[in-house]
Amino acid sequence: MSSADISSTTASLAYTVPPANGVRAYQKINVDPISGERENNFSRTNYDVVIENVRGKEDQDTLDNSGFQFVRSPAKHTSFNNDEEIEKEYYPESIDLLKKLTGASRVVIFDHSEQSPILLPITSPADSGEFTAIRRQRPGVVDDGPQNRQPVAGVHVDQTTKASIARVHRHLPAEDAPRLLENRFQIINLWRPINVPALRWPLALCDYRSVDPSKDPLPVTLVYPDREGETYGVTYNPNHRWKYLRGMTPEDAVLIKCFDSVQDGSVAVFTPHTGFEDPSTPPDAPNRESIELRALVFYD
C-alpha cells in the first residue's frame, strides 16, 4: 500500500494540562539529581485525533494559511554526520531555500548544537538554546544527551512572542535588532527526514485555522539557573485539524512557522506540532531520523 492510499490515521496526541489555580506553568531546565527528571507543575493528557494525510494535495497548505508548508526539495548535503559540514554545506542551501519560498530578505539560522525541543520530562525545551536538532529514534534509550535526541511526543509551539523577540536580540548584532524588529519577522523551522523515510514516528501539524489563539496555547516558563525562557504547551481543542505527509522522504521537507509578528488575523501566527505513533506504520519500517533547523526570517 502506498502512502497516498491512506487518507487519514487516528492517533493519540499528548496535550498540556495547565497547573491548578491559574498559576504560571513552569519547567526547570536542570535535571534533579535524585529523581532524574526536570521539575514542572503541569501534566499531559492523551486524546485520540484524526490526522489527515495530505499526500497528493500538499499545495493546499501554506505558511500563511495553515502555518506550515510542504516542499519537494532534495538537499545537496546528505550525510548529516559532521557538525562542521552541516554548518558549511547544509546551512547555506537551507537559507537559500527559505528565501526562495518566503521572499525574505535576510535569514539567520540559529547557531549549531544538538538539542531537543519541549516538553517531555526527558527532553530539553525548545527555547533552551541555539540548535540544529538531529533526532534518531532509539527505542529504550533515554533522551539525555545530544546524540540520543528522540522524536518529541507532545503538542507544542517552540516560541512565544516574548521569546521570539528575545531571540532577535540574542542572535543579531545590537545595532541591527531595533531596525529588524520594525518590520515583519518570523521564526520558521525547516524539518526533513534523513537517510530513510519517516514512516515511524512522523510529524503531525495542526492547521492554524482550527486553533483558538486566545485559549489553546499555554505559556510555559523555562527556568534556568541564571535566566528564564518561554515556550507554548498546547491545551486540547476538539476543533483542531491535524495533518501529516505520510512517508516523508529525505527529498521532502516541511517549513513550520513557530512565530509571525503579523498578528492582525490575516495570516497564521504559529503551528502546534508533535511527533506521533502512527498505527498504520508498517512493522518493518526503519526508526525515524530527522534534522530540524530553526531560523529567524526577516523582511524589508
C-alpha atoms as a PDB file:
ATOM      1  CA  MET A   1       0.000   0.000   0.000  1.00  0.00           C
ATOM      2  CA  SER A   2       1.419   3.391  -0.993  1.00  0.00           C
ATOM      3  CA  SER A   3       1.381   6.437   1.285  1.00  0.00           C
ATOM      4  CA  ALA A   4      -1.183   8.122  -0.968  1.00  0.00           C
ATOM      5  CA  ASP A   5      -3.652   5.247  -0.446  1.00  0.00           C
ATOM      6  CA  ILE A   6      -4.146   6.123   3.235  1.00  0.00           C
ATOM      7  CA  SER A   7      -6.364   9.188   3.569  1.00  0.00           C
ATOM      8  CA  SER A   8      -6.013   9.578   7.340  1.00  0.00           C
ATOM      9  CA  THR A   9      -4.942   7.883  10.518  1.00  0.00           C
ATOM     10  CA  THR A  10      -6.179   8.050  14.110  1.00  0.00           C
ATOM     11  CA  ALA A  11      -3.525   8.526  16.763  1.00  0.00           C
ATOM     12  CA  SER A  12      -3.107   9.578  20.371  1.00  0.00           C
ATOM     13  CA  LEU A  13      -1.566  13.014  20.941  1.00  0.00           C
ATOM     14  CA  ALA A  14      -0.381  14.381  24.283  1.00  0.00           C
ATOM     15  CA  TYR A  15      -1.817  17.796  25.174  1.00  0.00           C
ATOM     16  CA  THR A  16      -0.764  20.034  28.056  1.00  0.00           C
ATOM     17  CA  VAL A  17      -2.979  20.316  31.138  1.00  0.00           C
ATOM     18  CA  PRO A  18      -2.470  23.672  32.918  1.00  0.00           C
ATOM     19  CA  PRO A  19      -1.490  23.750  36.594  1.00  0.00           C
ATOM     20  CA  ALA A  20      -4.262  24.295  39.120  1.00  0.00           C
ATOM     21  CA  ASN A  21      -5.400  27.670  40.437  1.00  0.00           C
ATOM     22  CA  GLY A  22      -4.197  29.623  37.419  1.00  0.00           C
ATOM     23  CA  VAL A  23      -0.555  29.730  38.496  1.00  0.00           C
ATOM     24  CA  ARG A  24       2.013  30.062  35.746  1.00  0.00           C
ATOM     25  CA  ALA A  25       3.251  26.850  34.192  1.00  0.00           C
ATOM     26  CA  TYR A  26       6.965  26.235  34.508  1.00  0.00           C
ATOM     27  CA  GLN A  27       9.615  23.660  33.825  1.00  0.00           C
ATOM     28  CA  LYS A  28      13.110  23.659  35.276  1.00  0.00           C
ATOM     29  CA  ILE A  29      15.892  23.007  32.806  1.00  0.00           C
ATOM     30  CA  ASN A  30      18.321  21.207  35.060  1.00  0.00           C
ATOM     31  CA  VAL A  31      17.648  17.578  35.894  1.00  0.00           C
ATOM     32  CA  ASP A  32      17.027  16.812  39.561  1.00  0.00           C
ATOM     33  CA  PRO A  33      19.932  14.596  40.659  1.00  0.00           C
ATOM     34  CA  ILE A  34      17.661  12.443  42.828  1.00  0.00           C
ATOM     35  CA  SER A  35      14.589  11.935  40.628  1.00  0.00           C
ATOM     36  CA  GLY A  36      16.436  12.156  37.318  1.00  0.00           C
ATOM     37  CA  GLU A  37      13.623  14.375  35.981  1.00  0.00           C
ATOM     38  CA  ARG A  38      13.113  18.051  35.240  1.00  0.00           C
ATOM     39  CA  GLU A  39      10.703  19.597  37.733  1.00  0.00           C
ATOM     40  CA  ASN A  40       7.480  21.065  36.309  1.00  0.00           C
ATOM     41  CA  ASN A  41       3.996  21.883  37.560  1.00  0.00           C
ATOM     42  CA  PHE A  42       1.828  20.830  34.618  1.00  0.00           C
ATOM     43  CA  SER A  43       0.740  17.481  33.240  1.00  0.00           C
ATOM     44  CA  ARG A  44      -0.318  15.909  29.956  1.00  0.00           C
ATOM     45  CA  THR A  45      -3.398  14.055  28.792  1.00  0.00           C
ATOM     46  CA  ASN A  46      -3.666  11.983  25.627  1.00  0.00           C
ATOM     47  CA  TYR A  47      -6.520  12.456  23.158  1.00  0.00           C
ATOM     48  CA  ASP A  48      -7.293  10.413  20.064  1.00  0.00           C
ATOM     49  CA  VAL A  49      -7.422  12.621  16.977  1.00  0.00           C
ATOM     50  CA  VAL A  50      -7.843  12.085  13.249  1.00  0.00           C
ATOM     51  CA  ILE A  51      -4.753  13.139  11.285  1.00  0.00           C
ATOM     52  CA  GLU A  52      -5.295  13.789   7.575  1.00  0.00           C
ATOM     53  CA  ASN A  53      -2.707  12.528   5.106  1.00  0.00           C
ATOM     54  CA  VAL A  54      -2.076  15.373   2.632  1.00  0.00           C
ATOM     55  CA  ARG A  55      -0.033  13.254   0.208  1.00  0.00           C
ATOM     56  CA  GLY A  56      -1.082  14.339  -3.281  1.00  0.00           C
ATOM     57  CA  LYS A  57      -2.557  17.631  -2.062  1.00  0.00           C
ATOM     58  CA  GLU A  58       0.481  19.205  -0.456  1.00  0.00           C
ATOM     59  CA  ASP A  59      -0.141  22.551  -2.136  1.00  0.00           C
ATOM     60  CA  GLN A  60      -3.295  23.248  -0.102  1.00  0.00           C
ATOM     61  CA  ASP A  61      -1.301  24.267   2.978  1.00  0.00           C
ATOM     62  CA  THR A  62       0.947  27.327   3.076  1.00  0.00           C
ATOM     63  CA  LEU A  63       2.841  29.209   5.747  1.00  0.00           C
ATOM     64  CA  ASP A  64       0.254  31.996   5.647  1.00  0.00           C
ATOM     65  CA  ASN A  65      -2.967  29.973   5.690  1.00  0.00           C
ATOM     66  CA  SER A  66      -2.096  26.853   7.715  1.00  0.00           C
ATOM     67  CA  GLY A  67       1.202  27.815   9.321  1.00  0.00           C
ATOM     68  CA  PHE A  68       3.215  25.126   7.545  1.00  0.00           C
ATOM     69  CA  GLN A  69       4.238  24.260   4.022  1.00  0.00           C
ATOM     70  CA  PHE A  70       5.477  21.030   2.441  1.00  0.00           C
ATOM     71  CA  VAL A  71       8.036  21.202  -0.337  1.00  0.00           C
ATOM     72  CA  ARG A  72       9.813  18.711  -2.555  1.00  0.00           C
ATOM     73  CA  SER A  73      13.422  19.867  -2.375  1.00  0.00           C
ATOM     74  CA  PRO A  74      16.239  17.305  -2.144  1.00  0.00           C
ATOM     75  CA  ALA A  75      19.185  18.556  -0.098  1.00  0.00           C
ATOM     76  CA  LYS A  76      22.629  18.670  -1.653  1.00  0.00           C
ATOM     77  CA  HIS A  77      24.158  17.791   1.704  1.00  0.00           C
ATOM     78  CA  THR A  78      23.055  14.272   2.633  1.00  0.00           C
ATOM     79  CA  SER A  79      25.448  12.833   5.231  1.00  0.00           C
ATOM     80  CA  PHE A  80      24.391  14.840   8.341  1.00  0.00           C
ATOM     81  CA  ASN A  81      27.131  13.232  10.405  1.00  0.00           C
ATOM     82  CA  ASN A  82      29.543  16.110  10.983  1.00  0.00           C
ATOM     83  CA  ASP A  83      28.575  19.375  12.665  1.00  0.00           C
ATOM     84  CA  GLU A  84      31.086  21.436  10.727  1.00  0.00           C
ATOM     85  CA  GLU A  85      29.916  20.032   7.410  1.00  0.00           C
ATOM     86  CA  ILE A  86      26.278  20.694   8.296  1.00  0.00           C
ATOM     87  CA  GLU A  87      27.071  24.329   9.051  1.00  0.00           C
ATOM     88  CA  LYS A  88      29.256  24.734   5.980  1.00  0.00           C
ATOM     89  CA  GLU A  89      27.088  22.881   3.460  1.00  0.00           C
ATOM     90  CA  TYR A  90      23.512  22.470   4.730  1.00  0.00           C
ATOM     91  CA  TYR A  91      23.072  25.891   6.306  1.00  0.00           C
ATOM     92  CA  PRO A  92      23.704  27.914   3.114  1.00  0.00           C
ATOM     93  CA  GLU A  93      21.420  25.807   0.916  1.00  0.00           C
ATOM     94  CA  SER A  94      18.715  25.949   3.601  1.00  0.00           C
ATOM     95  CA  ILE A  95      18.973  29.731   3.794  1.00  0.00           C
ATOM     96  CA  ASP A  96      18.595  29.907   0.021  1.00  0.00           C
ATOM     97  CA  LEU A  97      15.537  27.626   0.165  1.00  0.00           C
ATOM     98  CA  LEU A  98      13.876  29.689   2.892  1.00  0.00           C
ATOM     99  CA  LYS A  99      14.483  32.917   0.990  1.00  0.00           C
ATOM    100  CA  LYS A 100      13.108  31.395  -2.203  1.00  0.00           C
ATOM    101  CA  LEU A 101       9.932  30.096  -0.567  1.00  0.00           C
ATOM    102  CA  THR A 102       9.174  33.111   1.630  1.00  0.00           C
ATOM    103  CA  GLY A 103      10.597  36.100  -0.244  1.00  0.00           C
ATOM    104  CA  ALA A 104      12.556  37.050   2.878  1.00  0.00           C
ATOM    105  CA  SER A 105      15.452  39.475   2.616  1.00  0.00           C
ATOM    106  CA  ARG A 106      17.500  38.009   5.469  1.00  0.00           C
ATOM    107  CA  VAL A 107      17.586  34.586   7.124  1.00  0.00           C
ATOM    108  CA  VAL A 108      19.642  33.761  10.201  1.00  0.00           C
ATOM    109  CA  ILE A 109      19.863  30.132  11.297  1.00  0.00           C
ATOM    110  CA  PHE A 110      20.471  29.656  14.998  1.00  0.00           C
ATOM    111  CA  ASP A 111      23.965  28.549  15.890  1.00  0.00           C
ATOM    112  CA  HIS A 112      24.529  24.815  15.585  1.00  0.00           C
ATOM    113  CA  SER A 113      24.319  22.500  18.517  1.00  0.00           C
ATOM    114  CA  GLU A 114      22.319  19.336  19.006  1.00  0.00           C
ATOM    115  CA  GLN A 115      19.440  19.831  21.397  1.00  0.00           C
ATOM    116  CA  SER A 116      15.839  18.822  21.557  1.00  0.00           C
ATOM    117  CA  PRO A 117      12.538  20.668  21.979  1.00  0.00           C
ATOM    118  CA  ILE A 118       9.931  20.763  24.683  1.00  0.00           C
ATOM    119  CA  LEU A 119       8.028  19.325  26.996  1.00  0.00           C
ATOM    120  CA  LEU A 120       8.588  15.732  27.904  1.00  0.00           C
ATOM    121  CA  PRO A 121      10.428  15.332  31.205  1.00  0.00           C
ATOM    122  CA  ILE A 122      13.285  13.555  29.418  1.00  0.00           C
ATOM    123  CA  THR A 123      13.903  16.260  26.825  1.00  0.00           C
ATOM    124  CA  SER A 124      15.433  19.696  26.740  1.00  0.00           C
ATOM    125  CA  PRO A 125      12.991  22.503  25.904  1.00  0.00           C
ATOM    126  CA  ALA A 126      12.832  24.150  22.524  1.00  0.00           C
ATOM    127  CA  ASP A 127      13.864  27.534  23.874  1.00  0.00           C
ATOM    128  CA  SER A 128      16.910  26.120  25.614  1.00  0.00           C
ATOM    129  CA  GLY A 129      19.461  27.451  23.175  1.00  0.00           C
ATOM    130  CA  GLU A 130      20.705  27.770  19.664  1.00  0.00           C
ATOM    131  CA  PHE A 131      20.479  24.486  17.858  1.00  0.00           C
ATOM    132  CA  THR A 132      20.114  22.213  14.989  1.00  0.00           C
ATOM    133  CA  ALA A 133      18.122  19.245  16.249  1.00  0.00           C
ATOM    134  CA  ILE A 134      19.100  15.864  14.830  1.00  0.00           C
ATOM    135  CA  ARG A 135      16.773  13.152  16.101  1.00  0.00           C
ATOM    136  CA  ARG A 136      17.325   9.444  15.728  1.00  0.00           C
ATOM    137  CA  GLN A 137      14.667   7.201  17.192  1.00  0.00           C
ATOM    138  CA  ARG A 138      16.275   4.692  19.539  1.00  0.00           C
ATOM    139  CA  PRO A 139      13.633   2.646  21.408  1.00  0.00           C
ATOM    140  CA  GLY A 140      14.600   2.104  25.041  1.00  0.00           C
ATOM    141  CA  VAL A 141      17.274   4.809  25.046  1.00  0.00           C
ATOM    142  CA  VAL A 142      16.879   7.713  27.480  1.00  0.00           C
ATOM    143  CA  ASP A 143      16.929  11.112  25.763  1.00  0.00           C
ATOM    144  CA  ASP A 144      19.695  12.541  27.916  1.00  0.00           C
ATOM    145  CA  GLY A 145      22.291  13.932  25.549  1.00  0.00           C
ATOM    146  CA  PRO A 146      22.875  15.389  22.105  1.00  0.00           C
ATOM    147  CA  GLN A 147      23.459  12.026  20.464  1.00  0.00           C
ATOM    148  CA  ASN A 148      20.269  10.493  21.885  1.00  0.00           C
ATOM    149  CA  ARG A 149      17.629  13.061  20.903  1.00  0.00           C
ATOM    150  CA  GLN A 150      14.340  11.301  20.337  1.00  0.00           C
ATOM    151  CA  PRO A 151      11.236  12.418  18.371  1.00  0.00           C
ATOM    152  CA  VAL A 152       9.100  14.734  20.500  1.00  0.00           C
ATOM    153  CA  ALA A 153       5.762  13.307  21.639  1.00  0.00           C
ATOM    154  CA  GLY A 154       3.890  16.301  22.988  1.00  0.00           C
ATOM    155  CA  VAL A 155       1.901  19.054  21.265  1.00  0.00           C
ATOM    156  CA  HIS A 156       3.905  22.272  21.470  1.00  0.00           C
ATOM    157  CA  VAL A 157       4.968  25.516  19.818  1.00  0.00           C
ATOM    158  CA  ASP A 158       8.637  26.365  20.137  1.00  0.00           C
ATOM    159  CA  GLN A 159       8.408  30.104  20.870  1.00  0.00           C
ATOM    160  CA  THR A 160       6.070  32.617  22.455  1.00  0.00           C
ATOM    161  CA  THR A 161       6.006  36.217  21.219  1.00  0.00           C
ATOM    162  CA  LYS A 162       8.221  37.302  24.101  1.00  0.00           C
ATOM    163  CA  ALA A 163      10.731  34.541  23.430  1.00  0.00           C
ATOM    164  CA  SER A 164      10.765  35.280  19.695  1.00  0.00           C
ATOM    165  CA  ILE A 165      11.653  38.941  20.239  1.00  0.00           C
ATOM    166  CA  ALA A 166      14.334  37.876  22.708  1.00  0.00           C
ATOM    167  CA  ARG A 167      15.810  35.615  20.034  1.00  0.00           C
ATOM    168  CA  VAL A 168      16.312  38.575  17.702  1.00  0.00           C
ATOM    169  CA  HIS A 169      18.261  40.378  20.400  1.00  0.00           C
ATOM    170  CA  ARG A 170      20.233  37.242  21.224  1.00  0.00           C
ATOM    171  CA  HIS A 171      21.286  36.306  17.706  1.00  0.00           C
ATOM    172  CA  LEU A 172      21.542  39.618  15.835  1.00  0.00           C
ATOM    173  CA  PRO A 173      24.018  42.465  16.363  1.00  0.00           C
ATOM    174  CA  ALA A 174      22.743  45.056  18.827  1.00  0.00           C
ATOM    175  CA  GLU A 175      22.869  47.729  16.150  1.00  0.00           C
ATOM    176  CA  ASP A 176      20.664  45.671  13.787  1.00  0.00           C
ATOM    177  CA  ALA A 177      17.957  44.366  16.127  1.00  0.00           C
ATOM    178  CA  PRO A 178      15.835  47.535  16.587  1.00  0.00           C
ATOM    179  CA  ARG A 179      15.602  48.120  12.832  1.00  0.00           C
ATOM    180  CA  LEU A 180      14.773  44.475  12.093  1.00  0.00           C
ATOM    181  CA  LEU A 181      12.012  44.484  14.705  1.00  0.00           C
ATOM    182  CA  GLU A 182      10.309  47.393  12.950  1.00  0.00           C
ATOM    183  CA  ASN A 183       9.317  45.118  10.047  1.00  0.00           C
ATOM    184  CA  ARG A 184       7.743  41.703   9.759  1.00  0.00           C
ATOM    185  CA  PHE A 185       9.807  38.819  11.068  1.00  0.00           C
ATOM    186  CA  GLN A 186       9.163  35.139  11.664  1.00  0.00           C
ATOM    187  CA  ILE A 187      10.702  32.058  13.210  1.00  0.00           C
ATOM    188  CA  ILE A 188      10.481  29.129  10.807  1.00  0.00           C
ATOM    189  CA  ASN A 189      11.724  25.595  11.357  1.00  0.00           C
ATOM    190  CA  LEU A 190      12.934  23.565   8.375  1.00  0.00           C
ATOM    191  CA  TRP A 191      12.352  19.862   9.089  1.00  0.00           C
ATOM    192  CA  ARG A 192      13.229  16.887   6.919  1.00  0.00           C
ATOM    193  CA  PRO A 193      13.858  13.147   7.315  1.00  0.00           C
ATOM    194  CA  ILE A 194      17.409  11.968   6.797  1.00  0.00           C
ATOM    195  CA  ASN A 195      18.639   8.620   5.457  1.00  0.00           C
ATOM    196  CA  VAL A 196      15.246   6.846   5.493  1.00  0.00           C
ATOM    197  CA  PRO A 197      11.537   7.730   5.013  1.00  0.00           C
ATOM    198  CA  ALA A 198       9.793   8.970   8.165  1.00  0.00           C
ATOM    199  CA  LEU A 199       7.101   6.300   8.388  1.00  0.00           C
ATOM    200  CA  ARG A 200       7.778   5.586  12.042  1.00  0.00           C
ATOM    201  CA  TRP A 201       7.023   8.463  14.448  1.00  0.00           C
ATOM    202  CA  PRO A 202       6.114  11.011  11.732  1.00  0.00           C
ATOM    203  CA  LEU A 203       5.404  14.680  12.347  1.00  0.00           C
ATOM    204  CA  ALA A 204       1.832  15.954  12.833  1.00  0.00           C
ATOM    205  CA  LEU A 205       0.960  19.623  12.263  1.00  0.00           C
ATOM    206  CA  CYS A 206      -2.148  21.483  13.373  1.00  0.00           C
ATOM    207  CA  ASP A 207      -3.822  23.796  10.839  1.00  0.00           C
ATOM    208  CA  TYR A 208      -3.775  27.272  12.410  1.00  0.00           C
ATOM    209  CA  ARG A 209      -7.265  27.959  11.061  1.00  0.00           C
ATOM    210  CA  SER A 210      -8.573  25.416  13.589  1.00  0.00           C
ATOM    211  CA  VAL A 211      -6.679  26.945  16.538  1.00  0.00           C
ATOM    212  CA  ASP A 212      -8.128  29.386  19.063  1.00  0.00           C
ATOM    213  CA  PRO A 213      -5.047  31.537  19.713  1.00  0.00           C
ATOM    214  CA  SER A 214      -6.678  33.157  22.736  1.00  0.00           C
ATOM    215  CA  LYS A 215      -7.276  29.863  24.560  1.00  0.00           C
ATOM    216  CA  ASP A 216      -5.226  26.981  23.153  1.00  0.00           C
ATOM    217  CA  PRO A 217      -1.573  27.988  23.721  1.00  0.00           C
ATOM    218  CA  LEU A 218      -0.301  27.839  27.297  1.00  0.00           C
ATOM    219  CA  PRO A 219       2.871  29.826  28.065  1.00  0.00           C
ATOM    220  CA  VAL A 220       5.398  27.676  29.891  1.00  0.00           C
ATOM    221  CA  THR A 221       8.243  29.401  31.700  1.00  0.00           C
ATOM    222  CA  LEU A 222      11.579  27.661  31.313  1.00  0.00           C
ATOM    223  CA  VAL A 223      13.600  28.147  34.483  1.00  0.00           C
ATOM    224  CA  TYR A 224      17.377  28.270  34.066  1.00  0.00           C
ATOM    225  CA  PRO A 225      19.867  28.862  36.890  1.00  0.00           C
ATOM    226  CA  ASP A 226      20.510  32.400  35.604  1.00  0.00           C
ATOM    227  CA  ARG A 227      17.517  33.351  33.432  1.00  0.00           C
ATOM    228  CA  GLU A 228      14.068  32.389  32.198  1.00  0.00           C
ATOM    229  CA  GLY A 229      12.768  31.489  28.730  1.00  0.00           C
ATOM    230  CA  GLU A 230       9.280  30.757  27.467  1.00  0.00           C
ATOM    231  CA  THR A 231       7.555  28.360  25.101  1.00  0.00           C
ATOM    232  CA  TYR A 232       3.996  27.174  24.491  1.00  0.00           C
ATOM    233  CA  GLY A 233       2.342  23.992  25.585  1.00  0.00           C
ATOM    234  CA  VAL A 234      -0.994  23.456  23.828  1.00  0.00           C
ATOM    235  CA  THR A 235      -4.294  22.603  25.526  1.00  0.00           C
ATOM    236  CA  TYR A 236      -6.822  20.290  23.921  1.00  0.00           C
ATOM    237  CA  ASN A 237      -9.372  21.692  21.494  1.00  0.00           C
ATOM    238  CA  PRO A 238     -11.711  19.274  19.667  1.00  0.00           C
ATOM    239  CA  ASN A 239     -11.766  21.654  16.690  1.00  0.00           C
ATOM    240  CA  HIS A 240      -8.094  21.105  15.939  1.00  0.00           C
ATOM    241  CA  ARG A 241      -7.452  19.796  12.412  1.00  0.00           C
ATOM    242  CA  TRP A 242      -4.317  17.709  12.254  1.00  0.00           C
ATOM    243  CA  LYS A 243      -2.351  16.861   9.117  1.00  0.00           C
ATOM    244  CA  TYR A 244       0.752  14.957   8.089  1.00  0.00           C
ATOM    245  CA  LEU A 245       2.580  13.912   4.960  1.00  0.00           C
ATOM    246  CA  ARG A 246       2.790  10.153   5.249  1.00  0.00           C
ATOM    247  CA  GLY A 247       6.079   8.584   4.237  1.00  0.00           C
ATOM    248  CA  MET A 248       8.088  11.803   4.008  1.00  0.00           C
ATOM    249  CA  THR A 249      11.439  11.043   2.375  1.00  0.00           C
ATOM    250  CA  PRO A 250      14.779  12.876   2.608  1.00  0.00           C
ATOM    251  CA  GLU A 251      13.723  14.614  -0.617  1.00  0.00           C
ATOM    252  CA  ASP A 252      10.724  16.108   1.223  1.00  0.00           C
ATOM    253  CA  ALA A 253      10.828  18.964   3.698  1.00  0.00           C
ATOM    254  CA  VAL A 254       8.318  20.967   5.702  1.00  0.00           C
ATOM    255  CA  LEU A 255       8.512  24.580   6.832  1.00  0.00           C
ATOM    256  CA  ILE A 256       6.918  25.056  10.260  1.00  0.00           C
ATOM    257  CA  LYS A 257       6.038  28.578  11.346  1.00  0.00           C
ATOM    258  CA  CYS A 258       6.681  28.997  15.056  1.00  0.00           C
ATOM    259  CA  PHE A 259       6.135  32.748  15.174  1.00  0.00           C
ATOM    260  CA  ASP A 260       4.953  35.613  12.981  1.00  0.00           C
ATOM    261  CA  SER A 261       4.998  39.253  14.033  1.00  0.00           C
ATOM    262  CA  VAL A 262       1.942  39.890  11.849  1.00  0.00           C
ATOM    263  CA  GLN A 263      -0.878  39.173  14.285  1.00  0.00           C
ATOM    264  CA  ASP A 264      -3.869  41.001  12.800  1.00  0.00           C
ATOM    265  CA  GLY A 265      -5.747  37.806  11.878  1.00  0.00           C
ATOM    266  CA  SER A 266      -4.672  37.854   8.229  1.00  0.00           C
ATOM    267  CA  VAL A 267      -2.102  35.053   8.484  1.00  0.00           C
ATOM    268  CA  ALA A 268      -1.198  32.061  10.630  1.00  0.00           C
ATOM    269  CA  VAL A 269       0.918  33.049  13.625  1.00  0.00           C
ATOM    270  CA  PHE A 270       2.228  29.652  14.788  1.00  0.00           C
ATOM    271  CA  THR A 271       1.882  25.901  14.265  1.00  0.00           C
ATOM    272  CA  PRO A 272       1.239  23.399  17.063  1.00  0.00           C
ATOM    273  CA  HIS A 273       3.107  20.218  16.178  1.00  0.00           C
ATOM    274  CA  THR A 274       4.302  16.909  17.587  1.00  0.00           C
ATOM    275  CA  GLY A 275       5.771  13.578  16.684  1.00  0.00           C
ATOM    276  CA  PHE A 276       3.273  10.731  16.968  1.00  0.00           C
ATOM    277  CA  GLU A 277       2.972   6.969  16.775  1.00  0.00           C
ATOM    278  CA  ASP A 278       1.129   6.152  13.554  1.00  0.00           C
ATOM    279  CA  PRO A 279      -0.808   2.857  13.828  1.00  0.00           C
ATOM    280  CA  SER A 280      -0.575   2.462  10.042  1.00  0.00           C
ATOM    281  CA  THR A 281       3.224   2.238  10.173  1.00  0.00           C
ATOM    282  CA  PRO A 282       4.495  -0.990   8.575  1.00  0.00           C
ATOM    283  CA  PRO A 283       6.086  -3.244  11.216  1.00  0.00           C
ATOM    284  CA  ASP A 284       9.370  -3.376   9.297  1.00  0.00           C
ATOM    285  CA  ALA A 285       9.677   0.407   8.876  1.00  0.00           C
ATOM    286  CA  PRO A 286      13.084   1.747   9.979  1.00  0.00           C
ATOM    287  CA  ASN A 287      13.387   4.012  13.000  1.00  0.00           C
ATOM    288  CA  ARG A 288      12.983   7.700  12.202  1.00  0.00           C
ATOM    289  CA  GLU A 289      15.911  10.033  11.681  1.00  0.00           C
ATOM    290  CA  SER A 290      15.374  13.739  11.051  1.00  0.00           C
ATOM    291  CA  ILE A 291      17.056  17.116  11.123  1.00  0.00           C
ATOM    292  CA  GLU A 292      15.462  20.420  12.080  1.00  0.00           C
ATOM    293  CA  LEU A 293      16.890  23.879  11.549  1.00  0.00           C
ATOM    294  CA  ARG A 294      15.350  26.922  13.191  1.00  0.00           C
ATOM    295  CA  ALA A 295      15.691  30.283  11.549  1.00  0.00           C
ATOM    296  CA  LEU A 296      14.922  33.935  12.110  1.00  0.00           C
ATOM    297  CA  VAL A 297      13.334  35.216   8.892  1.00  0.00           C
ATOM    298  CA  PHE A 298      13.268  38.943   8.160  1.00  0.00           C
ATOM    299  CA  TYR A 299      11.523  41.071   5.529  1.00  0.00           C
ATOM    300  CA  ASP A 300      12.297  44.562   4.216  1.00  0.00           C
END
